[in-house]
Amino acid sequence: MTPHLLAGETVVATERQHVAVLVPAAVVAAVCLGVLLVLIQLVPDRVSSANVSGAKAIADAVVAVVVVGWFLLRLLRWRFQTYTLTSHRIVLARGVVSRVTESIALDRIQDTVVRRPLADRLIGAGSLEIQSAGRDGTEILRLVPRPDRFYTQILQAIEDYRHLTAYPAGEAGLAPYGTAPAPAPPGGAGGV
């Protein structure tokens, strides 16, 4: 989901956590589903001369719905958690039913660190630590795919934002960003 943008603000990039964060939930769901369904099937069809095969079928359905529902909730949480880099800020959004949105202004970012332990490197992910002036200090974006690329995009957005605020559009007499001002012509204004 694209965050509400400020006037003159554009989206540079949007990332979400690497899909590998769903692997533990998928494993837990598969194991729970398999174990519970096997345990239900181990109950005999007749208990004290009562036929319980209908109750077993209902129990199978309930277990399947609960486990699949739990996994789908995890999937939706992953889907709706985004890290959006704009031309003015980084917007962190999460939540399915109730949404939480935080933003870090680019001019408040003091330092960024990319952490890529071996397991993260094997799947092409990493974590970004963003240290900012203000309330919490450090925000961690966990398991970002291609973290080096996102890191570079953040640094470029910070530079572009600094340039934008230092040299507002239409201000006369300023050299374009990244260039030196043109030298004065020989002889100066009075001439020789």
C-alpha atoms as a PDB file:
ATOM      1  CA  MET A   1       0.000   0.000   0.000  1.00  0.00           C
ATOM      2  CA  THR A   2       1.318   3.401  -0.938  1.00  0.00           C
ATOM      3  CA  PRO A   3       1.441   5.834   1.987  1.00  0.00           C
ATOM      4  CA  HIS A   4      -0.249   9.207   1.822  1.00  0.00           C
ATOM      5  CA  LEU A   5       2.284  11.481   0.193  1.00  0.00           C
ATOM      6  CA  LEU A   6       3.120  15.061   1.063  1.00  0.00           C
ATOM      7  CA  ALA A   7       3.058  17.822  -1.533  1.00  0.00           C
ATOM      8  CA  GLY A   8       6.017  17.343  -3.866  1.00  0.00           C
ATOM      9  CA  GLU A   9       6.854  13.927  -2.422  1.00  0.00           C
ATOM     10  CA  THR A  10       7.388  10.898  -4.658  1.00  0.00           C
ATOM     11  CA  VAL A  11       7.902   7.200  -3.946  1.00  0.00           C
ATOM     12  CA  VAL A  12      11.461   6.080  -4.638  1.00  0.00           C
ATOM     13  CA  ALA A  13      11.176   2.400  -3.645  1.00  0.00           C
ATOM     14  CA  THR A  14       8.952   0.040  -1.686  1.00  0.00           C
ATOM     15  CA  GLU A  15      10.244  -3.134  -0.046  1.00  0.00           C
ATOM     16  CA  ARG A  16       8.797  -5.760   2.235  1.00  0.00           C
ATOM     17  CA  GLN A  17      10.521  -8.450   4.225  1.00  0.00           C
ATOM     18  CA  HIS A  18      12.034 -11.349   2.331  1.00  0.00           C
ATOM     19  CA  VAL A  19       9.555 -14.154   1.672  1.00  0.00           C
ATOM     20  CA  ALA A  20      11.808 -16.416   3.761  1.00  0.00           C
ATOM     21  CA  VAL A  21      10.162 -14.991   6.906  1.00  0.00           C
ATOM     22  CA  LEU A  22       7.157 -17.153   6.015  1.00  0.00           C
ATOM     23  CA  VAL A  23       9.134 -20.417   6.043  1.00  0.00           C
ATOM     24  CA  PRO A  24       8.981 -20.985   9.839  1.00  0.00           C
ATOM     25  CA  ALA A  25       5.223 -20.305   9.852  1.00  0.00           C
ATOM     26  CA  ALA A  26       4.719 -22.699   6.927  1.00  0.00           C
ATOM     27  CA  VAL A  27       6.724 -25.423   8.686  1.00  0.00           C
ATOM     28  CA  VAL A  28       4.799 -24.958  11.949  1.00  0.00           C
ATOM     29  CA  ALA A  29       1.485 -25.016  10.078  1.00  0.00           C
ATOM     30  CA  ALA A  30       2.397 -28.175   8.147  1.00  0.00           C
ATOM     31  CA  VAL A  31       3.638 -30.002  11.261  1.00  0.00           C
ATOM     32  CA  CYS A  32       0.612 -28.983  13.347  1.00  0.00           C
ATOM     33  CA  LEU A  33      -1.789 -29.902  10.592  1.00  0.00           C
ATOM     34  CA  GLY A  34      -0.126 -33.266   9.981  1.00  0.00           C
ATOM     35  CA  VAL A  35       0.237 -34.228  13.645  1.00  0.00           C
ATOM     36  CA  LEU A  36      -3.278 -33.195  14.644  1.00  0.00           C
ATOM     37  CA  LEU A  37      -4.907 -34.900  11.659  1.00  0.00           C
ATOM     38  CA  VAL A  38      -2.962 -38.130  12.344  1.00  0.00           C
ATOM     39  CA  LEU A  39      -3.920 -38.019  16.028  1.00  0.00           C
ATOM     40  CA  ILE A  40      -7.584 -37.573  15.129  1.00  0.00           C
ATOM     41  CA  GLN A  41      -7.416 -40.515  12.722  1.00  0.00           C
ATOM     42  CA  LEU A  42      -5.901 -42.715  15.456  1.00  0.00           C
ATOM     43  CA  VAL A  43      -9.160 -42.444  17.403  1.00  0.00           C
ATOM     44  CA  PRO A  44     -11.253 -45.536  16.572  1.00  0.00           C
ATOM     45  CA  ASP A  45     -14.476 -45.061  14.575  1.00  0.00           C
ATOM     46  CA  ARG A  46     -16.503 -46.709  17.315  1.00  0.00           C
ATOM     47  CA  VAL A  47     -16.177 -45.733  20.968  1.00  0.00           C
ATOM     48  CA  SER A  48     -18.438 -47.572  23.460  1.00  0.00           C
ATOM     49  CA  SER A  49     -20.735 -48.706  20.656  1.00  0.00           C
ATOM     50  CA  ALA A  50     -21.126 -45.096  19.433  1.00  0.00           C
ATOM     51  CA  ASN A  51     -20.091 -44.142  15.910  1.00  0.00           C
ATOM     52  CA  VAL A  52     -17.685 -41.169  16.109  1.00  0.00           C
ATOM     53  CA  SER A  53     -16.624 -41.054  12.457  1.00  0.00           C
ATOM     54  CA  GLY A  54     -18.756 -37.902  11.908  1.00  0.00           C
ATOM     55  CA  ALA A  55     -17.129 -36.205  14.910  1.00  0.00           C
ATOM     56  CA  LYS A  56     -13.692 -37.142  13.531  1.00  0.00           C
ATOM     57  CA  ALA A  57     -14.553 -35.546  10.184  1.00  0.00           C
ATOM     58  CA  ILE A  58     -15.735 -32.381  11.947  1.00  0.00           C
ATOM     59  CA  ALA A  59     -12.559 -32.322  14.074  1.00  0.00           C
ATOM     60  CA  ASP A  60     -10.446 -32.711  10.896  1.00  0.00           C
ATOM     61  CA  ALA A  61     -12.250 -29.780   9.287  1.00  0.00           C
ATOM     62  CA  VAL A  62     -11.910 -27.578  12.391  1.00  0.00           C
ATOM     63  CA  VAL A  63      -8.187 -28.332  12.712  1.00  0.00           C
ATOM     64  CA  ALA A  64      -7.627 -27.629   9.012  1.00  0.00           C
ATOM     65  CA  VAL A  65      -9.541 -24.324   9.139  1.00  0.00           C
ATOM     66  CA  VAL A  66      -7.729 -23.133  12.282  1.00  0.00           C
ATOM     67  CA  VAL A  67      -4.228 -23.999  11.035  1.00  0.00           C
ATOM     68  CA  VAL A  68      -4.784 -22.662   7.521  1.00  0.00           C
ATOM     69  CA  GLY A  69      -6.405 -19.511   8.960  1.00  0.00           C
ATOM     70  CA  TRP A  70      -3.422 -18.966  11.258  1.00  0.00           C
ATOM     71  CA  PHE A  71      -1.017 -19.313   8.323  1.00  0.00           C
ATOM     72  CA  LEU A  72      -3.080 -16.960   6.150  1.00  0.00           C
ATOM     73  CA  LEU A  73      -2.988 -14.363   8.922  1.00  0.00           C
ATOM     74  CA  ARG A  74       0.823 -14.627   8.981  1.00  0.00           C
ATOM     75  CA  LEU A  75       0.833 -14.274   5.195  1.00  0.00           C
ATOM     76  CA  LEU A  76      -1.338 -11.151   5.356  1.00  0.00           C
ATOM     77  CA  ARG A  77       0.896  -9.617   8.039  1.00  0.00           C
ATOM     78  CA  TRP A  78       3.882 -10.160   5.755  1.00  0.00           C
ATOM     79  CA  ARG A  79       2.024  -8.757   2.754  1.00  0.00           C
ATOM     80  CA  PHE A  80       0.914  -5.579   4.530  1.00  0.00           C
ATOM     81  CA  GLN A  81       4.269  -4.790   6.208  1.00  0.00           C
ATOM     82  CA  THR A  82       6.106  -2.427   3.900  1.00  0.00           C
ATOM     83  CA  TYR A  83       9.157  -0.200   3.967  1.00  0.00           C
ATOM     84  CA  THR A  84       8.571   2.722   1.596  1.00  0.00           C
ATOM     85  CA  LEU A  85      11.318   5.168   0.716  1.00  0.00           C
ATOM     86  CA  THR A  86      10.054   8.499  -0.574  1.00  0.00           C
ATOM     87  CA  SER A  87      11.836  11.652  -1.606  1.00  0.00           C
ATOM     88  CA  HIS A  88      11.260  13.082   1.925  1.00  0.00           C
ATOM     89  CA  ARG A  89      11.055  10.164   4.386  1.00  0.00           C
ATOM     90  CA  ILE A  90      11.033   6.440   5.067  1.00  0.00           C
ATOM     91  CA  VAL A  91       7.556   5.134   5.889  1.00  0.00           C
ATOM     92  CA  LEU A  92       7.197   1.901   7.887  1.00  0.00           C
ATOM     93  CA  ALA A  93       3.687   0.445   7.723  1.00  0.00           C
ATOM     94  CA  ARG A  94       2.348  -2.760   9.268  1.00  0.00           C
ATOM     95  CA  GLY A  95      -0.889  -4.358  10.362  1.00  0.00           C
ATOM     96  CA  VAL A  96      -3.834  -6.064   8.720  1.00  0.00           C
ATOM     97  CA  VAL A  97      -6.927  -4.942  10.610  1.00  0.00           C
ATOM     98  CA  SER A  98      -5.421  -2.080  12.576  1.00  0.00           C
ATOM     99  CA  ARG A  99      -2.611  -0.295  10.755  1.00  0.00           C
ATOM    100  CA  VAL A 100       0.454   1.326  12.302  1.00  0.00           C
ATOM    101  CA  THR A 101       2.434   3.775  10.200  1.00  0.00           C
ATOM    102  CA  GLU A 102       5.698   5.380  11.293  1.00  0.00           C
ATOM    103  CA  SER A 103       7.902   7.690   9.305  1.00  0.00           C
ATOM    104  CA  ILE A 104      11.484   8.823   9.582  1.00  0.00           C
ATOM    105  CA  ALA A 105      12.282  12.128   7.917  1.00  0.00           C
ATOM    106  CA  LEU A 106      15.363  11.908   5.709  1.00  0.00           C
ATOM    107  CA  ASP A 107      16.868  15.008   7.309  1.00  0.00           C
ATOM    108  CA  ARG A 108      16.723  13.298  10.737  1.00  0.00           C
ATOM    109  CA  ILE A 109      18.693  10.207   9.675  1.00  0.00           C
ATOM    110  CA  GLN A 110      22.129  10.265  11.269  1.00  0.00           C
ATOM    111  CA  ASP A 111      23.503   6.856  10.331  1.00  0.00           C
ATOM    112  CA  THR A 112      22.542   3.700   8.466  1.00  0.00           C
ATOM    113  CA  VAL A 113      24.048   0.248   8.906  1.00  0.00           C
ATOM    114  CA  VAL A 114      23.559  -2.895   6.805  1.00  0.00           C
ATOM    115  CA  ARG A 115      23.881  -6.195   8.694  1.00  0.00           C
ATOM    116  CA  ARG A 116      24.093  -9.394   6.654  1.00  0.00           C
ATOM    117  CA  PRO A 117      24.856 -12.508   8.681  1.00  0.00           C
ATOM    118  CA  LEU A 118      25.653 -15.667   6.717  1.00  0.00           C
ATOM    119  CA  ALA A 119      22.102 -17.067   6.810  1.00  0.00           C
ATOM    120  CA  ASP A 120      20.714 -13.768   5.489  1.00  0.00           C
ATOM    121  CA  ARG A 121      23.373 -13.592   2.778  1.00  0.00           C
ATOM    122  CA  LEU A 122      22.466 -17.089   1.589  1.00  0.00           C
ATOM    123  CA  ILE A 123      18.913 -15.968   0.839  1.00  0.00           C
ATOM    124  CA  GLY A 124      19.915 -12.527  -0.486  1.00  0.00           C
ATOM    125  CA  ALA A 125      18.591 -10.519   2.457  1.00  0.00           C
ATOM    126  CA  GLY A 126      19.846  -8.395   5.318  1.00  0.00           C
ATOM    127  CA  SER A 127      18.775  -5.948   7.988  1.00  0.00           C
ATOM    128  CA  LEU A 128      19.089  -2.170   7.851  1.00  0.00           C
ATOM    129  CA  GLU A 129      19.551  -0.185  11.042  1.00  0.00           C
ATOM    130  CA  ILE A 130      18.519   3.426  10.674  1.00  0.00           C
ATOM    131  CA  GLN A 131      19.655   5.731  13.449  1.00  0.00           C
ATOM    132  CA  SER A 132      17.727   8.953  13.594  1.00  0.00           C
ATOM    133  CA  ALA A 133      17.605  11.988  15.815  1.00  0.00           C
ATOM    134  CA  GLY A 134      14.536  12.041  17.959  1.00  0.00           C
ATOM    135  CA  ARG A 135      12.281   9.715  19.792  1.00  0.00           C
ATOM    136  CA  ASP A 136      13.425   6.082  19.485  1.00  0.00           C
ATOM    137  CA  GLY A 137      16.849   6.502  17.990  1.00  0.00           C
ATOM    138  CA  THR A 138      17.199   3.279  15.983  1.00  0.00           C
ATOM    139  CA  GLU A 139      14.722   1.544  13.706  1.00  0.00           C
ATOM    140  CA  ILE A 140      15.559  -1.887  12.287  1.00  0.00           C
ATOM    141  CA  LEU A 141      14.213  -3.009   8.931  1.00  0.00           C
ATOM    142  CA  ARG A 142      14.564  -6.794   9.168  1.00  0.00           C
ATOM    143  CA  LEU A 143      15.231  -9.201   6.312  1.00  0.00           C
ATOM    144  CA  VAL A 144      15.068  -6.705   3.473  1.00  0.00           C
ATOM    145  CA  PRO A 145      15.705  -8.341   0.080  1.00  0.00           C
ATOM    146  CA  ARG A 146      18.766  -6.871  -1.682  1.00  0.00           C
ATOM    147  CA  PRO A 147      19.637  -4.655   1.322  1.00  0.00           C
ATOM    148  CA  ASP A 148      22.669  -3.090  -0.367  1.00  0.00           C
ATOM    149  CA  ARG A 149      20.484  -1.724  -3.156  1.00  0.00           C
ATOM    150  CA  PHE A 150      17.909  -0.336  -0.684  1.00  0.00           C
ATOM    151  CA  TYR A 151      20.743   1.125   1.406  1.00  0.00           C
ATOM    152  CA  THR A 152      22.145   2.897  -1.661  1.00  0.00           C
ATOM    153  CA  GLN A 153      18.676   4.203  -2.537  1.00  0.00           C
ATOM    154  CA  ILE A 154      18.325   5.611   0.989  1.00  0.00           C
ATOM    155  CA  LEU A 155      21.713   7.353   0.806  1.00  0.00           C
ATOM    156  CA  GLN A 156      20.877   8.801  -2.621  1.00  0.00           C
ATOM    157  CA  ALA A 157      17.470   9.998  -1.388  1.00  0.00           C
ATOM    158  CA  ILE A 158      19.148  11.689   1.601  1.00  0.00           C
ATOM    159  CA  GLU A 159      21.606  13.470  -0.712  1.00  0.00           C
ATOM    160  CA  ASP A 160      18.837  14.500  -3.103  1.00  0.00           C
ATOM    161  CA  TYR A 161      16.749  15.805  -0.190  1.00  0.00           C
ATOM    162  CA  ARG A 162      19.697  17.791   1.206  1.00  0.00           C
ATOM    163  CA  HIS A 163      20.313  19.260  -2.230  1.00  0.00           C
ATOM    164  CA  LEU A 164      16.616  20.101  -2.594  1.00  0.00           C
ATOM    165  CA  THR A 165      16.523  21.938   0.742  1.00  0.00           C
ATOM    166  CA  ALA A 166      19.902  23.642   0.237  1.00  0.00           C
ATOM    167  CA  TYR A 167      19.154  24.815  -3.312  1.00  0.00           C
ATOM    168  CA  PRO A 168      15.399  25.323  -3.714  1.00  0.00           C
ATOM    169  CA  ALA A 169      14.112  25.469  -7.285  1.00  0.00           C
ATOM    170  CA  GLY A 170      14.162  28.904  -8.842  1.00  0.00           C
ATOM    171  CA  GLU A 171      16.900  30.297  -6.591  1.00  0.00           C
ATOM    172  CA  ALA A 172      19.158  32.370  -8.846  1.00  0.00           C
ATOM    173  CA  GLY A 173      22.931  32.295  -8.892  1.00  0.00           C
ATOM    174  CA  LEU A 174      23.411  28.775  -7.565  1.00  0.00           C
ATOM    175  CA  ALA A 175      25.332  26.111  -9.416  1.00  0.00           C
ATOM    176  CA  PRO A 176      23.600  22.830 -10.171  1.00  0.00           C
ATOM    177  CA  TYR A 177      24.150  20.095  -7.590  1.00  0.00           C
ATOM    178  CA  GLY A 178      27.521  18.361  -7.871  1.00  0.00           C
ATOM    179  CA  THR A 179      29.166  21.102  -9.955  1.00  0.00           C
ATOM    180  CA  ALA A 180      31.372  24.033  -9.095  1.00  0.00           C
ATOM    181  CA  PRO A 181      30.208  27.568  -9.904  1.00  0.00           C
ATOM    182  CA  ALA A 182      31.418  28.868 -13.257  1.00  0.00           C
ATOM    183  CA  PRO A 183      34.654  30.872 -12.965  1.00  0.00           C
ATOM    184  CA  ALA A 184      34.505  34.651 -13.507  1.00  0.00           C
ATOM    185  CA  PRO A 185      35.440  35.761 -17.024  1.00  0.00           C
ATOM    186  CA  PRO A 186      39.011  37.069 -17.442  1.00  0.00           C
ATOM    187  CA  GLY A 187      39.375  40.801 -16.889  1.00  0.00           C
ATOM    188  CA  GLY A 188      36.456  41.033 -14.464  1.00  0.00           C
ATOM    189  CA  ALA A 189      33.557  43.467 -14.732  1.00  0.00           C
ATOM    190  CA  GLY A 190      35.622  46.644 -15.308  1.00  0.00           C
ATOM    191  CA  GLY A 191      37.900  45.198 -18.014  1.00  0.00           C
ATOM    192  CA  VAL A 192      41.492  46.158 -18.674  1.00  0.00           C
END
